[in-house]
């Protein structure tokens, strides 16, 4: 099918407004990455201190600690996504390093594979060629089905299936690198979908060829390297508890928050039509949502699809400008994530 229609910024914004929202800062992307890791450290070591104080206190605060950790894990993934669009830093090498190591590698994604995969999603949003279509197509679904998905996420089943599939492909890729096996197949963008493998098809078939398997092997290598660094810091500073809290969050509530974010962005929207203002949903987010399912302005997803050259820290301003220009009635807007989930069930 043809690519979805793009928005024309010159028909929406004054020249100075467009310049303001598309100008990349040399420090804000770096600060956001540092902010994410500082919150991770405070939550992980604060949770460890609670357990050291008394096991009952630790037990009581752990759900809150996991929620904060998962919110920042999702936040790091969102910043990797900005890096895939070249929006973390105006210097290309700096942008790619920030998107590959302190953000993407932390949760097991490869910036370059993700970039190819994700730009295909933007080009064919909600059409058959969209690699993310399986994330929104099943909705609305039954309340029982959604509950089962949430249970699988919170009990670690989703994490286990994803990592088992990813590590199996990585082993295949490692063997191919050792034997110098090559492939003349077309480049495989599915190697970049690690963070979105919440459909049966995605879990079962994350890559399709040898080159994709090699990419996955390198991705897993970076992921394990970051986990080793985090474990070393944890052991040197406090002990096992901070790292175990990080890992528990990654295996449970991170999966839940990722799913809710995926549902909110495109499920039950008229996405794919000829009107670019319908290509995604923007969901208003309060403090709790911003700390968990909507870090770093990811809730402004309609604005991102309309103008994907806008960095995340300018999306709220973009939303205000669209409101001033009278464009909000054309957009899919939800008052909160509870409303989104209500739309997602029938």
Foldseek 3Di string as FASTA:
>chain_A
DFFADAFDVVVFDDPVLVCVQLDADAPPLVVLLVVLVVQLVCLLVVLVVLCVVDVVSSVVCLVVSLQLLLLSLVVLQVSLVCLLVVRSHVDVVVSQVSNAASRCLQLQFGSPLQSVLVVQCLGQPCHPSNPLVQLAVCFLAAPVVVVVLQVCQAVLVQVVLLVVQLVVLLVLLVVCVVVVPDDPDDDWSLLRCSLRQSGPVCSNDSTDDNVSSVVSNVSVVSNVVVLVVVCVVCPVPPRRRSSVSSVSSSRHLSNVLSSLLSLQWAHPWPARDNDLQGNTEAEDDDPSCCSGNQPLQSSLNSQCSNPVSGRSNSSVVVVVSCVVSVNVVVHHYHHHSVRSSVRRHD
